[in-house]
């Protein structure tokens, strides 16, 4: 995952535990990565403002405290039947 010798880092929370969720059907074209702490997900071909911590917008960066104190996201309700 990523370039040799490069440790991927979450652009949003700077965590280094990143998982590969998917890869391009064309080998090496792109990967979809996800941070294991804040769950931010990105494709490696997106611009630096979405993929690199130093270019990620300050207003959207998170710390562990931000994550710990974030409100719970509500569950998605079941689909209604047709009728």
N, C-alpha and C. Protein backbone atom coordinates (compact mmCIF):
# COMPACT_ATOMS: atom_id res chain seq x y z
N UNK A 1 0.85 -1.17 0.00
CA UNK A 1 0.00 0.00 0.00
C UNK A 1 0.89 1.23 0.00
N UNK A 2 0.72 2.09 -0.95
CA UNK A 2 1.50 3.31 -1.03
C UNK A 2 2.89 3.07 -1.58
N UNK A 3 3.70 4.12 -1.55
CA UNK A 3 5.06 4.03 -2.08
C UNK A 3 5.97 3.33 -1.08
N UNK A 4 6.97 2.66 -1.58
CA UNK A 4 7.90 1.94 -0.73
C UNK A 4 8.58 2.91 0.23
N UNK A 5 8.60 2.58 1.51
CA UNK A 5 9.23 3.43 2.51
C UNK A 5 8.33 4.55 3.00
N UNK A 6 7.12 4.66 2.44
CA UNK A 6 6.19 5.71 2.82
C UNK A 6 5.15 5.11 3.76
N UNK A 7 4.97 5.73 4.92
CA UNK A 7 3.94 5.29 5.86
C UNK A 7 2.72 6.15 5.64
N UNK A 8 1.61 5.54 5.19
CA UNK A 8 0.42 6.35 4.99
C UNK A 8 -0.09 6.92 6.31
N UNK A 9 -0.63 8.12 6.23
CA UNK A 9 -1.17 8.80 7.40
C UNK A 9 -2.54 9.36 7.03
N UNK A 10 -3.47 9.27 7.95
CA UNK A 10 -4.80 9.80 7.70
C UNK A 10 -4.72 11.32 7.53
N UNK A 11 -5.27 11.85 6.44
CA UNK A 11 -5.27 13.29 6.24
C UNK A 11 -6.08 14.03 7.30
N UNK A 12 -7.11 13.37 7.84
CA UNK A 12 -8.00 14.04 8.79
C UNK A 12 -7.49 14.00 10.22
N UNK A 13 -7.01 12.84 10.70
CA UNK A 13 -6.65 12.74 12.12
C UNK A 13 -5.19 12.36 12.38
N UNK A 14 -4.39 12.18 11.34
CA UNK A 14 -2.96 11.87 11.43
C UNK A 14 -2.66 10.48 11.98
N UNK A 15 -3.64 9.62 12.08
CA UNK A 15 -3.42 8.25 12.55
C UNK A 15 -2.70 7.46 11.46
N UNK A 16 -1.87 6.50 11.85
CA UNK A 16 -1.09 5.74 10.89
C UNK A 16 -1.63 4.34 10.63
N UNK A 17 -2.75 3.98 11.24
CA UNK A 17 -3.36 2.68 10.98
C UNK A 17 -4.37 2.84 9.85
N UNK A 18 -3.93 2.54 8.64
CA UNK A 18 -4.72 2.73 7.44
C UNK A 18 -4.96 1.37 6.79
N UNK A 19 -6.19 1.11 6.37
CA UNK A 19 -6.52 -0.14 5.69
C UNK A 19 -6.88 0.12 4.24
N UNK A 20 -6.54 -0.82 3.40
CA UNK A 20 -6.93 -0.75 2.00
C UNK A 20 -8.30 -1.41 1.88
N UNK A 21 -9.30 -0.64 1.39
CA UNK A 21 -10.64 -1.19 1.22
C UNK A 21 -10.85 -1.78 -0.17
N UNK A 22 -10.23 -1.16 -1.16
CA UNK A 22 -10.41 -1.61 -2.54
C UNK A 22 -9.23 -1.17 -3.39
N UNK A 23 -9.10 -1.83 -4.51
CA UNK A 23 -8.06 -1.46 -5.47
C UNK A 23 -8.64 -1.41 -6.87
N UNK A 24 -8.00 -0.66 -7.72
CA UNK A 24 -8.43 -0.52 -9.10
C UNK A 24 -8.36 -1.86 -9.83
N UNK A 25 -9.28 -2.08 -10.77
CA UNK A 25 -9.15 -3.29 -11.59
C UNK A 25 -7.90 -3.24 -12.47
N UNK A 26 -7.37 -2.03 -12.67
CA UNK A 26 -6.10 -1.87 -13.39
C UNK A 26 -5.02 -1.77 -12.30
N UNK A 27 -4.18 -2.76 -12.21
CA UNK A 27 -3.19 -2.84 -11.14
C UNK A 27 -2.42 -1.53 -10.95
N UNK A 28 -2.43 -1.03 -9.70
CA UNK A 28 -1.66 0.14 -9.34
C UNK A 28 -2.27 1.48 -9.73
N UNK A 29 -3.44 1.50 -10.37
CA UNK A 29 -4.04 2.77 -10.81
C UNK A 29 -4.53 3.60 -9.63
N UNK A 30 -5.17 2.98 -8.65
CA UNK A 30 -5.64 3.67 -7.44
C UNK A 30 -6.01 2.65 -6.38
N UNK A 31 -6.13 3.13 -5.15
CA UNK A 31 -6.61 2.34 -4.02
C UNK A 31 -7.60 3.18 -3.25
N UNK A 32 -8.52 2.54 -2.56
CA UNK A 32 -9.40 3.23 -1.62
C UNK A 32 -8.90 2.85 -0.23
N UNK A 33 -8.54 3.86 0.56
CA UNK A 33 -7.97 3.66 1.89
C UNK A 33 -8.93 4.18 2.96
N UNK A 34 -8.84 3.60 4.16
CA UNK A 34 -9.67 4.05 5.27
C UNK A 34 -8.86 4.10 6.56
N UNK A 35 -9.00 5.20 7.28
CA UNK A 35 -8.37 5.35 8.58
C UNK A 35 -9.11 4.47 9.59
N UNK A 36 -8.36 3.76 10.41
CA UNK A 36 -8.97 2.87 11.40
C UNK A 36 -9.37 3.59 12.68
N UNK A 37 -9.01 4.87 12.81
CA UNK A 37 -9.41 5.64 13.99
C UNK A 37 -10.65 6.49 13.70
N UNK A 38 -10.60 7.34 12.68
CA UNK A 38 -11.72 8.26 12.43
C UNK A 38 -12.62 7.81 11.29
N UNK A 39 -12.23 6.74 10.59
CA UNK A 39 -12.98 6.14 9.50
C UNK A 39 -13.04 6.99 8.22
N UNK A 40 -12.21 8.04 8.14
CA UNK A 40 -12.13 8.82 6.91
C UNK A 40 -11.69 7.89 5.78
N UNK A 41 -12.31 8.03 4.62
CA UNK A 41 -12.03 7.17 3.48
C UNK A 41 -11.69 8.03 2.27
N UNK A 42 -10.65 7.63 1.52
CA UNK A 42 -10.25 8.40 0.35
C UNK A 42 -9.63 7.50 -0.71
N UNK A 43 -9.66 7.99 -1.93
CA UNK A 43 -9.02 7.30 -3.06
C UNK A 43 -7.67 7.95 -3.27
N UNK A 44 -6.66 7.18 -3.55
CA UNK A 44 -5.30 7.69 -3.65
C UNK A 44 -5.09 8.65 -4.81
N UNK A 45 -6.00 8.70 -5.75
CA UNK A 45 -5.86 9.61 -6.89
C UNK A 45 -6.53 10.96 -6.65
N UNK A 46 -7.13 11.16 -5.49
CA UNK A 46 -7.76 12.45 -5.19
C UNK A 46 -6.67 13.50 -4.95
N UNK A 47 -7.04 14.80 -5.03
CA UNK A 47 -6.04 15.86 -4.85
C UNK A 47 -5.45 15.88 -3.43
N UNK A 48 -4.30 16.53 -3.29
CA UNK A 48 -3.60 16.59 -2.00
C UNK A 48 -4.49 17.07 -0.87
N UNK A 49 -5.42 17.98 -1.13
CA UNK A 49 -6.29 18.51 -0.06
C UNK A 49 -7.21 17.43 0.52
N UNK A 50 -7.25 16.26 -0.13
CA UNK A 50 -8.05 15.14 0.36
C UNK A 50 -7.19 13.96 0.81
N UNK A 51 -5.90 13.97 0.43
CA UNK A 51 -5.07 12.78 0.67
C UNK A 51 -3.82 13.02 1.51
N UNK A 52 -3.45 14.26 1.74
CA UNK A 52 -2.22 14.56 2.49
C UNK A 52 -2.53 15.45 3.69
N UNK A 53 -2.03 15.07 4.83
CA UNK A 53 -2.31 15.79 6.09
C UNK A 53 -1.92 17.27 6.00
N UNK A 54 -0.76 17.59 5.45
CA UNK A 54 -0.32 18.98 5.43
C UNK A 54 -1.14 19.85 4.48
N UNK A 55 -1.92 19.25 3.58
CA UNK A 55 -2.76 20.00 2.65
C UNK A 55 -4.25 19.92 3.01
N UNK A 56 -4.59 19.08 3.96
CA UNK A 56 -5.99 18.90 4.36
C UNK A 56 -6.48 20.17 5.06
N UNK A 57 -7.69 20.64 4.78
CA UNK A 57 -8.18 21.89 5.40
C UNK A 57 -8.19 21.84 6.93
N UNK A 58 -7.60 22.84 7.56
CA UNK A 58 -7.52 22.91 9.02
C UNK A 58 -8.88 22.75 9.69
N UNK A 59 -9.91 23.34 9.11
CA UNK A 59 -11.25 23.31 9.71
C UNK A 59 -11.81 21.90 9.83
N UNK A 60 -11.27 20.96 9.05
CA UNK A 60 -11.79 19.60 9.07
C UNK A 60 -10.85 18.59 9.72
N UNK A 61 -9.68 19.02 10.15
CA UNK A 61 -8.76 18.12 10.85
C UNK A 61 -9.34 17.75 12.21
N UNK A 62 -9.03 16.53 12.66
CA UNK A 62 -9.54 16.04 13.95
C UNK A 62 -8.40 15.52 14.81
N UNK A 63 -8.60 15.60 16.11
CA UNK A 63 -7.69 15.01 17.08
C UNK A 63 -8.41 13.83 17.73
N UNK A 64 -7.70 13.07 18.54
CA UNK A 64 -8.35 11.97 19.27
C UNK A 64 -9.45 12.52 20.17
N UNK A 65 -9.23 13.68 20.79
CA UNK A 65 -10.26 14.28 21.64
C UNK A 65 -11.50 14.65 20.83
N UNK A 66 -11.31 15.18 19.63
CA UNK A 66 -12.46 15.50 18.77
C UNK A 66 -13.28 14.24 18.48
N UNK A 67 -12.58 13.16 18.19
CA UNK A 67 -13.26 11.90 17.88
C UNK A 67 -13.98 11.37 19.11
N UNK A 68 -13.31 11.39 20.26
CA UNK A 68 -13.92 10.90 21.50
C UNK A 68 -15.17 11.68 21.88
N UNK A 69 -15.19 12.97 21.56
CA UNK A 69 -16.31 13.82 21.96
C UNK A 69 -17.32 14.08 20.85
N UNK A 70 -17.16 13.41 19.72
CA UNK A 70 -18.09 13.60 18.61
C UNK A 70 -19.44 13.00 18.95
N UNK A 71 -20.51 13.66 18.51
CA UNK A 71 -21.84 13.08 18.75
C UNK A 71 -21.99 11.79 17.96
N UNK A 72 -22.78 10.90 18.49
CA UNK A 72 -23.01 9.63 17.81
C UNK A 72 -23.82 9.88 16.54
N UNK A 73 -23.42 9.22 15.48
CA UNK A 73 -24.15 9.32 14.22
C UNK A 73 -25.37 8.41 14.31
N UNK A 74 -26.56 8.93 14.01
CA UNK A 74 -27.76 8.08 14.11
C UNK A 74 -27.75 6.92 13.10
N UNK A 75 -28.35 5.85 13.47
CA UNK A 75 -28.44 4.69 12.59
C UNK A 75 -29.36 5.01 11.41
N UNK A 76 -29.12 4.38 10.29
CA UNK A 76 -29.97 4.55 9.12
C UNK A 76 -31.20 3.68 9.32
N UNK A 77 -32.39 4.28 9.22
CA UNK A 77 -33.61 3.47 9.45
C UNK A 77 -33.82 2.44 8.32
N UNK A 78 -34.59 1.42 8.63
CA UNK A 78 -34.90 0.40 7.63
C UNK A 78 -35.71 1.02 6.49
N UNK A 79 -35.56 0.45 5.32
CA UNK A 79 -36.33 0.92 4.17
C UNK A 79 -37.80 0.62 4.38
N UNK A 80 -38.62 1.55 3.92
CA UNK A 80 -40.06 1.33 3.98
C UNK A 80 -40.47 0.42 2.83
N UNK A 81 -41.45 -0.39 3.07
CA UNK A 81 -41.97 -1.26 2.01
C UNK A 81 -42.67 -0.45 0.93
N UNK A 82 -42.70 -0.98 -0.25
CA UNK A 82 -43.40 -0.32 -1.35
C UNK A 82 -44.89 -0.56 -1.20
N UNK A 83 -45.63 0.47 -1.54
CA UNK A 83 -47.05 0.19 -1.47
C UNK A 83 -47.89 1.35 -1.40
